[in-house]
Amino acid sequence: MKGIALVIVDVQNDFCPGGILAVPEGDAIIPVLNKYIELFSHRKLPVFASRDWHPERTAHFKEFGGQWPSHCVQNSSGAAFHPLLKLPDDVIILSKGMDPDTDGYSVFQAADRDDVEFYTVLKNIAIDELYIGGIATDYCVRWSVRDAITFGFRVTVLVDGIKGINLKLKDSEDAIREMVALGAKKITFEKLSHMFHEE
């Protein structure tokens, strides 16, 4: 398989149990995400990991008029990737949420360490299909998938590798339904592993 990449969205300490903005059981998906990472890395396929990387003052935070408590502040322990997430040495880290005037939910608002926007990075290495998992289903995963489809990428959501905040009871269900309606496919590790091994 060529032209495909794995995107792990925001598996950071502040979004996991014990963090400031913890997603219920957010760390429960890490073992399966590690399997996806190994699957892609073994085939020398690109692995991206996005992170919220907020300044201390941003309109994203409640104290400055936003929706959320202060979280994932640049260089804080809460902004670090969860220690159990086994990112490969050649992972491409995408930072987002640096603009103090925007929420920065989508990975398409992120840039790599050279400040190259994610869309440009993908085009430069001829990626046209993304497999996306991570946190949170109903926010950063959802917006990332929506933007990916808008930009013309084929998208598959790792349904066993996502967790949502669910401020309302069915937010994650609604988000998955919306992503599929927009054209995203769904897959589990077992199915993807079987597909890869059939090549």
Protein backbone atom coordinates (compact mmCIF):
# COMPACT_ATOMS: atom_id res chain seq x y z
CA MET A 1 0.00 0.00 0.00
CA LYS A 2 1.36 3.37 -1.03
CA GLY A 3 0.01 6.81 -0.45
CA ILE A 4 -1.39 6.06 3.00
CA ALA A 5 -0.49 7.37 6.44
CA LEU A 6 -1.51 6.91 10.06
CA VAL A 7 -2.61 9.92 12.10
CA ILE A 8 -2.74 9.65 15.91
CA VAL A 9 -4.66 12.61 17.29
CA ASP A 10 -3.83 14.23 20.65
CA VAL A 11 -3.04 11.26 22.90
CA GLN A 12 -1.67 13.59 25.55
CA ASN A 13 -1.56 13.46 29.34
CA ASP A 14 -4.14 16.19 29.85
CA PHE A 15 -6.69 14.24 27.79
CA CYS A 16 -6.17 10.95 29.65
CA PRO A 17 -7.33 9.94 33.16
CA GLY A 18 -5.60 12.16 35.71
CA GLY A 19 -5.29 15.02 33.23
CA ILE A 20 -6.94 18.42 33.36
CA LEU A 21 -9.38 17.63 30.54
CA ALA A 22 -9.56 13.85 30.82
CA VAL A 23 -11.57 11.86 28.32
CA PRO A 24 -13.22 8.93 30.16
CA GLU A 25 -11.04 5.85 29.56
CA GLY A 26 -8.95 7.88 27.12
CA ASP A 27 -5.91 5.72 27.90
CA ALA A 28 -7.82 2.52 27.11
CA ILE A 29 -7.24 2.98 23.39
CA ILE A 30 -3.46 3.25 23.69
CA PRO A 31 -2.71 -0.50 23.41
CA VAL A 32 -4.62 -0.77 20.12
CA LEU A 33 -3.12 2.48 18.81
CA ASN A 34 0.31 0.98 19.51
CA LYS A 35 -0.67 -1.98 17.33
CA TYR A 36 -1.65 0.36 14.50
CA ILE A 37 1.64 2.23 14.91
CA GLU A 38 3.60 -1.01 14.71
CA LEU A 39 1.61 -2.12 11.67
CA PHE A 40 2.37 1.08 9.75
CA SER A 41 5.96 1.41 10.94
CA HIS A 42 6.76 -2.17 9.94
CA ARG A 43 5.71 -1.30 6.39
CA LYS A 44 7.65 1.98 6.48
CA LEU A 45 4.44 3.98 6.12
CA PRO A 46 4.34 7.49 7.63
CA VAL A 47 3.07 7.92 11.18
CA PHE A 48 1.89 11.35 12.31
CA ALA A 49 1.07 12.33 15.89
CA SER A 50 -0.74 15.59 16.56
CA ARG A 51 -0.69 17.48 19.83
CA ASP A 52 -2.49 20.45 21.28
CA TRP A 53 0.25 22.99 21.92
CA HIS A 54 -1.51 25.97 23.39
CA PRO A 55 -0.01 29.22 24.62
CA GLU A 56 -0.83 30.17 28.21
CA ARG A 57 -3.29 32.79 27.00
CA THR A 58 -5.74 31.71 24.33
CA ALA A 59 -9.40 32.32 23.51
CA HIS A 60 -9.72 28.52 23.64
CA PHE A 61 -9.57 28.58 27.47
CA LYS A 62 -12.47 29.47 29.78
CA GLU A 63 -10.59 32.23 31.59
CA PHE A 64 -10.19 34.04 28.26
CA GLY A 65 -13.73 33.44 26.98
CA GLY A 66 -13.44 29.91 25.58
CA GLN A 67 -15.09 26.58 26.35
CA TRP A 68 -12.31 24.61 28.03
CA PRO A 69 -10.14 24.73 31.15
CA SER A 70 -6.47 25.49 30.57
CA HIS A 71 -4.85 22.37 29.10
CA CYS A 72 -1.91 21.17 26.98
CA VAL A 73 0.05 24.37 27.53
CA GLN A 74 3.30 24.35 25.57
CA ASN A 75 6.13 22.45 27.30
CA SER A 76 3.94 21.42 30.25
CA SER A 77 3.73 17.83 31.47
CA GLY A 78 0.06 17.80 30.49
CA ALA A 79 0.98 18.56 26.88
CA ALA A 80 3.35 15.58 26.68
CA PHE A 81 2.28 12.47 24.82
CA HIS A 82 1.02 9.73 27.14
CA PRO A 83 4.03 7.67 28.30
CA LEU A 84 2.46 4.39 27.17
CA LEU A 85 2.02 5.61 23.58
CA LYS A 86 4.84 3.99 21.58
CA LEU A 87 5.58 6.52 18.88
CA PRO A 88 8.27 5.47 16.38
CA ASP A 89 11.59 7.31 16.16
CA ASP A 90 10.62 8.75 12.78
CA VAL A 91 7.17 9.97 13.88
CA ILE A 92 6.21 13.33 12.41
CA ILE A 93 4.85 15.50 15.23
CA LEU A 94 2.18 18.01 14.33
CA SER A 95 1.54 20.92 16.69
CA LYS A 96 -1.77 22.80 16.69
CA GLY A 97 -3.68 25.28 18.80
CA MET A 98 -0.81 27.77 18.87
CA ASP A 99 -2.94 30.58 17.45
CA PRO A 100 -4.47 32.32 20.51
CA ASP A 101 -7.53 33.35 18.51
CA THR A 102 -8.65 29.89 17.28
CA ASP A 103 -9.58 26.54 18.81
CA GLY A 104 -7.31 24.54 16.52
CA TYR A 105 -9.27 21.29 16.73
CA SER A 106 -8.23 19.93 13.32
CA VAL A 107 -4.85 18.46 12.41
CA PHE A 108 -5.17 20.52 9.24
CA GLN A 109 -4.56 23.55 11.44
CA ALA A 110 -1.30 21.96 12.56
CA ALA A 111 2.27 22.22 11.32
CA ASP A 112 5.38 20.08 11.60
CA ARG A 113 8.58 21.10 13.42
CA ASP A 114 9.65 23.13 10.37
CA ASP A 115 6.35 25.02 10.49
CA VAL A 116 5.11 23.34 7.29
CA GLU A 117 1.32 22.95 7.29
CA PHE A 118 0.00 19.39 7.47
CA TYR A 119 -1.72 19.57 4.07
CA THR A 120 1.56 20.57 2.42
CA VAL A 121 3.48 17.83 4.23
CA LEU A 122 1.02 15.23 2.93
CA LYS A 123 1.20 16.53 -0.64
CA ASN A 124 5.00 16.61 -0.54
CA ILE A 125 5.13 12.87 0.22
CA ALA A 126 2.21 11.92 -2.07
CA ILE A 127 -0.23 10.83 0.63
CA ASP A 128 -3.87 10.60 -0.45
CA GLU A 129 -5.40 8.36 2.22
CA LEU A 130 -5.41 8.79 6.01
CA TYR A 131 -6.17 6.35 8.82
CA ILE A 132 -7.16 8.42 11.84
CA GLY A 133 -7.51 7.53 15.53
CA GLY A 134 -7.03 9.20 18.88
CA ILE A 135 -8.76 11.72 21.14
CA ALA A 136 -11.39 13.05 21.18
CA THR A 137 -13.89 11.45 18.83
CA ASP A 138 -16.35 14.30 19.08
CA TYR A 139 -13.86 17.16 18.73
CA CYS A 140 -10.33 16.88 17.31
CA VAL A 141 -10.87 13.55 15.54
CA ARG A 142 -14.17 14.75 14.11
CA TRP A 143 -12.79 18.06 12.83
CA SER A 144 -9.68 16.40 11.45
CA VAL A 145 -11.75 13.89 9.49
CA ARG A 146 -14.08 16.59 8.21
CA ASP A 147 -11.17 18.69 6.97
CA ALA A 148 -9.38 15.70 5.44
CA ILE A 149 -12.47 14.87 3.39
CA THR A 150 -12.94 18.52 2.43
CA PHE A 151 -9.35 18.57 1.15
CA GLY A 152 -9.99 15.47 -0.95
CA PHE A 153 -8.29 12.76 1.10
CA ARG A 154 -9.77 9.32 1.53
CA VAL A 155 -10.29 8.71 5.24
CA THR A 156 -10.71 5.65 7.43
CA VAL A 157 -11.58 6.05 11.11
CA LEU A 158 -10.03 3.57 13.54
CA VAL A 159 -13.20 2.88 15.51
CA ASP A 160 -11.40 0.77 18.13
CA GLY A 161 -8.79 3.52 18.55
CA ILE A 162 -10.92 6.58 19.38
CA LYS A 163 -12.53 7.93 22.56
CA GLY A 164 -14.84 10.88 23.06
CA ILE A 165 -15.57 13.45 25.74
CA ASN A 166 -19.36 13.17 25.36
CA LEU A 167 -20.44 16.42 26.96
CA LYS A 168 -23.80 15.19 25.72
CA LEU A 169 -24.44 11.46 25.99
CA LYS A 170 -24.36 10.60 22.30
CA ASP A 171 -21.82 13.14 21.01
CA SER A 172 -19.35 10.44 19.93
CA GLU A 173 -22.03 8.37 18.23
CA ASP A 174 -23.23 11.46 16.40
CA ALA A 175 -19.67 12.33 15.40
CA ILE A 176 -19.04 8.87 13.94
CA ARG A 177 -22.35 9.01 12.09
CA GLU A 178 -21.43 12.40 10.66
CA MET A 179 -17.95 11.29 9.58
CA VAL A 180 -19.38 8.26 7.78
CA ALA A 181 -22.08 10.37 6.13
CA LEU A 182 -19.33 12.64 4.79
CA GLY A 183 -17.58 9.65 3.24
CA ALA A 184 -15.24 8.24 5.88
CA LYS A 185 -14.90 4.49 6.24
CA LYS A 186 -14.65 2.62 9.54
CA ILE A 187 -12.21 -0.15 10.40
CA THR A 188 -10.82 -2.11 13.35
CA PHE A 189 -7.25 -3.29 13.86
CA GLU A 190 -8.16 -6.89 13.15
CA LYS A 191 -9.65 -6.00 9.77
CA LEU A 192 -6.83 -3.68 8.76
CA SER A 193 -4.16 -6.15 9.80
CA HIS A 194 -5.88 -8.80 7.70
CA MET A 195 -6.00 -6.41 4.70
CA PHE A 196 -2.31 -5.58 5.03
CA HIS A 197 -1.31 -9.23 5.23
CA GLU A 198 -3.33 -10.06 2.14
CA GLU A 199 -1.22 -7.78 -0.07
